Amino acid sequence: MSREETKGKAKQVSGKIHEDEGKTTGDTREELKGKLKQIEGKIQEGAGKIRRKIKEEDQRADRA
């Protein structure tokens, strides 16, 4: 797992915490902020995964 993927996962966890906090306190704005942060994290994780796979493929191509 790349650093970018790890950062994305961490952002997702943080977003879930904010979402749950918003639900618990009835703060819709906080809940939505948390959901948005989770989406950002998924995007960041996905981008990291794509970069990692491209790098792995380049390395395989160099060996061949």
C-alpha atoms as a PDB file:
ATOM      1  CA  MET A   1       0.000   0.000   0.000  1.00  0.00           C
ATOM      2  CA  SER A   2       1.384   3.376  -0.997  1.00  0.00           C
ATOM      3  CA  ARG A   3       1.617   6.463   1.157  1.00  0.00           C
ATOM      4  CA  GLU A   4      -1.190   8.092  -0.862  1.00  0.00           C
ATOM      5  CA  GLU A   5      -3.445   5.084  -0.272  1.00  0.00           C
ATOM      6  CA  THR A   6      -2.718   5.219   3.458  1.00  0.00           C
ATOM      7  CA  LYS A   7      -3.499   8.933   3.608  1.00  0.00           C
ATOM      8  CA  GLY A   8      -6.772   8.283   1.792  1.00  0.00           C
ATOM      9  CA  LYS A   9      -7.742   5.560   4.272  1.00  0.00           C
ATOM     10  CA  ALA A  10      -6.916   7.868   7.182  1.00  0.00           C
ATOM     11  CA  LYS A  11      -9.068  10.597   5.670  1.00  0.00           C
ATOM     12  CA  GLN A  12     -11.937   8.136   5.355  1.00  0.00           C
ATOM     13  CA  VAL A  13     -11.663   7.161   9.017  1.00  0.00           C
ATOM     14  CA  SER A  14     -11.520  10.799  10.077  1.00  0.00           C
ATOM     15  CA  GLY A  15     -14.559  11.543   7.942  1.00  0.00           C
ATOM     16  CA  LYS A  16     -16.499   8.684   9.511  1.00  0.00           C
ATOM     17  CA  ILE A  17     -15.708  10.054  12.964  1.00  0.00           C
ATOM     18  CA  HIS A  18     -16.987  13.497  11.949  1.00  0.00           C
ATOM     19  CA  GLU A  19     -20.094  11.966  10.380  1.00  0.00           C
ATOM     20  CA  ASP A  20     -20.871   9.973  13.535  1.00  0.00           C
ATOM     21  CA  GLU A  21     -20.236  13.031  15.696  1.00  0.00           C
ATOM     22  CA  GLY A  22     -22.686  15.005  13.575  1.00  0.00           C
ATOM     23  CA  LYS A  23     -25.305  12.272  13.833  1.00  0.00           C
ATOM     24  CA  THR A  24     -24.864  12.035  17.592  1.00  0.00           C
ATOM     25  CA  THR A  25     -25.135  15.782  18.186  1.00  0.00           C
ATOM     26  CA  GLY A  26     -27.758  16.383  15.500  1.00  0.00           C
ATOM     27  CA  ASP A  27     -25.371  18.659  13.598  1.00  0.00           C
ATOM     28  CA  THR A  28     -26.257  18.052   9.958  1.00  0.00           C
ATOM     29  CA  ARG A  29     -23.448  20.288   8.739  1.00  0.00           C
ATOM     30  CA  GLU A  30     -20.816  18.265  10.626  1.00  0.00           C
ATOM     31  CA  GLU A  31     -22.358  15.047   9.346  1.00  0.00           C
ATOM     32  CA  LEU A  32     -22.123  16.271   5.750  1.00  0.00           C
ATOM     33  CA  LYS A  33     -18.537  17.456   6.270  1.00  0.00           C
ATOM     34  CA  GLY A  34     -17.707  13.948   7.427  1.00  0.00           C
ATOM     35  CA  LYS A  35     -19.332  12.352   4.403  1.00  0.00           C
ATOM     36  CA  LEU A  36     -17.447  14.717   2.097  1.00  0.00           C
ATOM     37  CA  LYS A  37     -14.166  13.886   3.814  1.00  0.00           C
ATOM     38  CA  GLN A  38     -14.864  10.181   3.329  1.00  0.00           C
ATOM     39  CA  ILE A  39     -15.444  10.731  -0.394  1.00  0.00           C
ATOM     40  CA  GLU A  40     -12.205  12.714  -0.635  1.00  0.00           C
ATOM     41  CA  GLY A  41     -10.420   9.861   1.102  1.00  0.00           C
ATOM     42  CA  LYS A  42     -11.821   7.277  -1.306  1.00  0.00           C
ATOM     43  CA  ILE A  43     -10.690   9.377  -4.256  1.00  0.00           C
ATOM     44  CA  GLN A  44      -7.231   9.859  -2.761  1.00  0.00           C
ATOM     45  CA  GLU A  45      -6.917   6.158  -2.003  1.00  0.00           C
ATOM     46  CA  GLY A  46      -8.018   5.263  -5.535  1.00  0.00           C
ATOM     47  CA  ALA A  47      -5.546   7.680  -7.092  1.00  0.00           C
ATOM     48  CA  GLY A  48      -2.772   6.189  -4.980  1.00  0.00           C
ATOM     49  CA  LYS A  49      -3.745   2.691  -6.041  1.00  0.00           C
ATOM     50  CA  ILE A  50      -3.689   3.672  -9.721  1.00  0.00           C
ATOM     51  CA  ARG A  51      -0.273   5.324  -9.353  1.00  0.00           C
ATOM     52  CA  ARG A  52       1.093   2.266  -7.564  1.00  0.00           C
ATOM     53  CA  LYS A  53      -0.198  -0.123 -10.217  1.00  0.00           C
ATOM     54  CA  ILE A  54       1.236   2.016 -13.026  1.00  0.00           C
ATOM     55  CA  LYS A  55       4.599   2.061 -11.260  1.00  0.00           C
ATOM     56  CA  GLU A  56       4.484  -1.726 -10.804  1.00  0.00           C
ATOM     57  CA  GLU A  57       3.670  -2.223 -14.486  1.00  0.00           C
ATOM     58  CA  ASP A  58       6.515   0.089 -15.524  1.00  0.00           C
ATOM     59  CA  GLN A  59       8.910  -1.901 -13.364  1.00  0.00           C
ATOM     60  CA  ARG A  60       7.701  -5.172 -14.915  1.00  0.00           C
ATOM     61  CA  ALA A  61       8.101  -3.725 -18.396  1.00  0.00           C
ATOM     62  CA  ASP A  62      11.656  -2.619 -17.582  1.00  0.00           C
ATOM     63  CA  ARG A  63      12.560  -6.159 -16.477  1.00  0.00           C
ATOM     64  CA  ALA A  64      11.195  -7.716 -19.658  1.00  0.00           C
END
